[in-house]
Amino acid sequence: MPVKAHTPAGIRPPFARYSHAVEVPPGHSLLVLSGQLGIAPDDSVPADAGAQAELCFANIEAILAQAGCTRGAIVRLNAYVTGRAHLAAYMAARDRYLAQINPPPASTLMIVSGFARPEFLVEVEALAAVPA
């Protein structure tokens, strides 16, 4: 059974490419991913939020692969950016990453005051439903 999205007719549709709710089908376990930052394996951190978001999603992809699943297993994303100016770059990276995923996952995007290191602009955490 595939993941089922819920968007009741009586509420406003999502603002972007996400679902208001996603139902995890029976027979799946949940994979809870820690927040991923835009840092490369060599410890380099790109200066712009879009490139950092791409690294966040690449890290998520690697974790999902190790767990034996794909990005289609993602049922929820929580994302954090350090300023309104970074929203568009993050959302463009997210939309590219999720372009072929239907339904898209539930999602929350928040503006925060900062992270552990000042060069970090974006953090993304995920929840995935892994088939048993």
C-alpha atoms as a PDB file:
ATOM      1  CA  MET A   1       0.000   0.000   0.000  1.00  0.00           C
ATOM      2  CA  PRO A   2       1.521   3.369  -0.947  1.00  0.00           C
ATOM      3  CA  VAL A   3       1.718   6.370   1.353  1.00  0.00           C
ATOM      4  CA  LYS A   4      -1.572   8.263   1.443  1.00  0.00           C
ATOM      5  CA  ALA A   5      -1.788  12.045   1.618  1.00  0.00           C
ATOM      6  CA  HIS A   6      -4.580  13.915   3.379  1.00  0.00           C
ATOM      7  CA  THR A   7      -5.681  17.419   2.383  1.00  0.00           C
ATOM      8  CA  PRO A   8      -9.269  17.977   3.542  1.00  0.00           C
ATOM      9  CA  ALA A   9     -11.480  19.995   1.206  1.00  0.00           C
ATOM     10  CA  GLY A  10     -12.362  22.468   3.961  1.00  0.00           C
ATOM     11  CA  ILE A  11      -8.816  23.812   4.479  1.00  0.00           C
ATOM     12  CA  ARG A  12      -6.470  25.802   2.265  1.00  0.00           C
ATOM     13  CA  PRO A  13      -4.264  23.633   0.016  1.00  0.00           C
ATOM     14  CA  PRO A  14      -0.533  23.590   0.840  1.00  0.00           C
ATOM     15  CA  PHE A  15       1.488  26.695  -0.074  1.00  0.00           C
ATOM     16  CA  ALA A  16       4.157  24.655  -1.867  1.00  0.00           C
ATOM     17  CA  ARG A  17       5.105  21.082  -2.782  1.00  0.00           C
ATOM     18  CA  TYR A  18       4.167  19.292   0.433  1.00  0.00           C
ATOM     19  CA  SER A  19       1.157  17.440   1.878  1.00  0.00           C
ATOM     20  CA  HIS A  20      -0.816  18.578   4.917  1.00  0.00           C
ATOM     21  CA  ALA A  21      -0.634  15.023   6.267  1.00  0.00           C
ATOM     22  CA  VAL A  22       0.843  11.706   5.181  1.00  0.00           C
ATOM     23  CA  GLU A  23      -0.380   8.329   6.427  1.00  0.00           C
ATOM     24  CA  VAL A  24       2.209   5.593   6.957  1.00  0.00           C
ATOM     25  CA  PRO A  25       0.882   2.304   5.617  1.00  0.00           C
ATOM     26  CA  PRO A  26       0.804  -0.867   7.729  1.00  0.00           C
ATOM     27  CA  GLY A  27       3.935  -2.991   7.706  1.00  0.00           C
ATOM     28  CA  HIS A  28       6.392  -0.089   7.713  1.00  0.00           C
ATOM     29  CA  SER A  29       8.893   0.994  10.332  1.00  0.00           C
ATOM     30  CA  LEU A  30       9.849   4.592  10.913  1.00  0.00           C
ATOM     31  CA  LEU A  31      13.360   5.821  10.186  1.00  0.00           C
ATOM     32  CA  VAL A  32      14.052   9.027  12.112  1.00  0.00           C
ATOM     33  CA  LEU A  33      16.858  11.111  10.618  1.00  0.00           C
ATOM     34  CA  SER A  34      18.713  13.713  12.641  1.00  0.00           C
ATOM     35  CA  GLY A  35      18.956  17.202  11.244  1.00  0.00           C
ATOM     36  CA  GLN A  36      21.437  17.346   8.389  1.00  0.00           C
ATOM     37  CA  LEU A  37      23.565  20.429   7.844  1.00  0.00           C
ATOM     38  CA  GLY A  38      25.070  21.755   4.632  1.00  0.00           C
ATOM     39  CA  ILE A  39      28.547  20.438   5.269  1.00  0.00           C
ATOM     40  CA  ALA A  40      30.564  18.280   2.876  1.00  0.00           C
ATOM     41  CA  PRO A  41      32.638  15.232   3.897  1.00  0.00           C
ATOM     42  CA  ASP A  42      35.774  17.411   3.715  1.00  0.00           C
ATOM     43  CA  ASP A  43      34.213  19.811   6.271  1.00  0.00           C
ATOM     44  CA  SER A  44      33.676  22.548   3.677  1.00  0.00           C
ATOM     45  CA  VAL A  45      30.508  24.624   4.023  1.00  0.00           C
ATOM     46  CA  PRO A  46      29.177  26.506   0.985  1.00  0.00           C
ATOM     47  CA  ALA A  47      28.468  30.187   1.561  1.00  0.00           C
ATOM     48  CA  ASP A  48      24.946  30.135   0.093  1.00  0.00           C
ATOM     49  CA  ALA A  49      21.787  28.530   1.432  1.00  0.00           C
ATOM     50  CA  GLY A  50      20.885  26.755  -1.821  1.00  0.00           C
ATOM     51  CA  ALA A  51      24.167  24.852  -1.957  1.00  0.00           C
ATOM     52  CA  GLN A  52      23.877  24.035   1.751  1.00  0.00           C
ATOM     53  CA  ALA A  53      20.355  22.694   1.186  1.00  0.00           C
ATOM     54  CA  GLU A  54      21.632  20.508  -1.675  1.00  0.00           C
ATOM     55  CA  LEU A  55      24.190  19.016   0.729  1.00  0.00           C
ATOM     56  CA  CYS A  56      21.491  18.454   3.359  1.00  0.00           C
ATOM     57  CA  PHE A  57      19.459  16.478   0.825  1.00  0.00           C
ATOM     58  CA  ALA A  58      22.538  14.565  -0.382  1.00  0.00           C
ATOM     59  CA  ASN A  59      23.205  13.526   3.228  1.00  0.00           C
ATOM     60  CA  ILE A  60      19.570  12.467   3.635  1.00  0.00           C
ATOM     61  CA  GLU A  61      19.833  10.465   0.405  1.00  0.00           C
ATOM     62  CA  ALA A  62      22.928   8.638   1.694  1.00  0.00           C
ATOM     63  CA  ILE A  63      21.241   7.772   5.002  1.00  0.00           C
ATOM     64  CA  LEU A  64      18.131   6.503   3.224  1.00  0.00           C
ATOM     65  CA  ALA A  65      20.259   4.364   0.898  1.00  0.00           C
ATOM     66  CA  GLN A  66      22.087   2.803   3.845  1.00  0.00           C
ATOM     67  CA  ALA A  67      18.684   1.979   5.368  1.00  0.00           C
ATOM     68  CA  GLY A  68      17.639   0.299   2.120  1.00  0.00           C
ATOM     69  CA  CYS A  69      15.114   2.836   0.878  1.00  0.00           C
ATOM     70  CA  THR A  70      14.790   5.841  -1.404  1.00  0.00           C
ATOM     71  CA  ARG A  71      13.583   9.420  -1.040  1.00  0.00           C
ATOM     72  CA  GLY A  72      10.098   8.134  -1.834  1.00  0.00           C
ATOM     73  CA  ALA A  73      10.012   6.775   1.720  1.00  0.00           C
ATOM     74  CA  ILE A  74      10.134  10.276   3.239  1.00  0.00           C
ATOM     75  CA  VAL A  75       6.860  11.114   4.968  1.00  0.00           C
ATOM     76  CA  ARG A  76       7.925  14.324   6.762  1.00  0.00           C
ATOM     77  CA  LEU A  77      10.551  17.036   6.448  1.00  0.00           C
ATOM     78  CA  ASN A  78      11.367  19.662   9.057  1.00  0.00           C
ATOM     79  CA  ALA A  79      13.596  22.413   7.757  1.00  0.00           C
ATOM     80  CA  TYR A  80      15.207  25.384   9.424  1.00  0.00           C
ATOM     81  CA  VAL A  81      16.805  28.440   7.804  1.00  0.00           C
ATOM     82  CA  THR A  82      18.496  31.369   9.515  1.00  0.00           C
ATOM     83  CA  GLY A  83      16.624  34.091   7.663  1.00  0.00           C
ATOM     84  CA  ARG A  84      13.751  34.898   5.363  1.00  0.00           C
ATOM     85  CA  ALA A  85      16.279  35.627   2.609  1.00  0.00           C
ATOM     86  CA  HIS A  86      17.147  31.890   2.511  1.00  0.00           C
ATOM     87  CA  LEU A  87      13.586  30.591   2.051  1.00  0.00           C
ATOM     88  CA  ALA A  88      13.523  30.651  -1.767  1.00  0.00           C
ATOM     89  CA  ALA A  89      16.879  28.888  -2.153  1.00  0.00           C
ATOM     90  CA  TYR A  90      15.904  26.192   0.329  1.00  0.00           C
ATOM     91  CA  MET A  91      12.480  25.685  -1.270  1.00  0.00           C
ATOM     92  CA  ALA A  92      13.999  25.405  -4.760  1.00  0.00           C
ATOM     93  CA  ALA A  93      16.414  22.694  -3.548  1.00  0.00           C
ATOM     94  CA  ARG A  94      13.592  20.896  -1.718  1.00  0.00           C
ATOM     95  CA  ASP A  95      11.316  21.014  -4.764  1.00  0.00           C
ATOM     96  CA  ARG A  96      14.082  19.607  -7.014  1.00  0.00           C
ATOM     97  CA  TYR A  97      14.768  16.822  -4.508  1.00  0.00           C
ATOM     98  CA  LEU A  98      11.084  15.904  -4.227  1.00  0.00           C
ATOM     99  CA  ALA A  99      10.103  16.516  -7.876  1.00  0.00           C
ATOM    100  CA  GLN A 100       9.216  12.876  -8.610  1.00  0.00           C
ATOM    101  CA  ILE A 101       7.712  12.024  -5.204  1.00  0.00           C
ATOM    102  CA  ASN A 102       3.925  11.640  -5.110  1.00  0.00           C
ATOM    103  CA  PRO A 103       2.429  12.422  -2.800  1.00  0.00           C
ATOM    104  CA  PRO A 104       5.031  14.815  -1.431  1.00  0.00           C
ATOM    105  CA  PRO A 105       5.805  14.492   2.283  1.00  0.00           C
ATOM    106  CA  ALA A 106       4.353  16.598   5.044  1.00  0.00           C
ATOM    107  CA  SER A 107       6.669  19.515   5.728  1.00  0.00           C
ATOM    108  CA  THR A 108       7.437  22.337   8.125  1.00  0.00           C
ATOM    109  CA  LEU A 109       9.794  25.239   7.400  1.00  0.00           C
ATOM    110  CA  MET A 110      10.934  27.537  10.197  1.00  0.00           C
ATOM    111  CA  ILE A 111      13.152  30.578  10.511  1.00  0.00           C
ATOM    112  CA  VAL A 112      15.567  30.219  13.423  1.00  0.00           C
ATOM    113  CA  SER A 113      18.149  32.519  14.969  1.00  0.00           C
ATOM    114  CA  GLY A 114      21.084  30.256  14.176  1.00  0.00           C
ATOM    115  CA  PHE A 115      22.866  26.942  14.530  1.00  0.00           C
ATOM    116  CA  ALA A 116      25.930  25.677  16.407  1.00  0.00           C
ATOM    117  CA  ARG A 117      28.277  27.346  13.887  1.00  0.00           C
ATOM    118  CA  PRO A 118      27.534  30.717  12.270  1.00  0.00           C
ATOM    119  CA  GLU A 119      28.293  29.533   8.712  1.00  0.00           C
ATOM    120  CA  PHE A 120      25.359  27.099   8.770  1.00  0.00           C
ATOM    121  CA  LEU A 121      22.254  28.569   7.119  1.00  0.00           C
ATOM    122  CA  VAL A 122      20.057  25.478   6.606  1.00  0.00           C
ATOM    123  CA  GLU A 123      19.251  22.268   8.491  1.00  0.00           C
ATOM    124  CA  VAL A 124      16.870  19.550   7.324  1.00  0.00           C
ATOM    125  CA  GLU A 125      15.567  16.555   9.252  1.00  0.00           C
ATOM    126  CA  ALA A 126      13.415  13.775   7.856  1.00  0.00           C
ATOM    127  CA  LEU A 127      11.113  10.969   8.865  1.00  0.00           C
ATOM    128  CA  ALA A 128      10.819   8.012   6.492  1.00  0.00           C
ATOM    129  CA  ALA A 129       8.522   4.976   6.336  1.00  0.00           C
ATOM    130  CA  VAL A 130      10.661   1.948   5.521  1.00  0.00           C
ATOM    131  CA  PRO A 131       8.886  -1.141   4.180  1.00  0.00           C
ATOM    132  CA  ALA A 132       9.358  -4.159   6.432  1.00  0.00           C
END
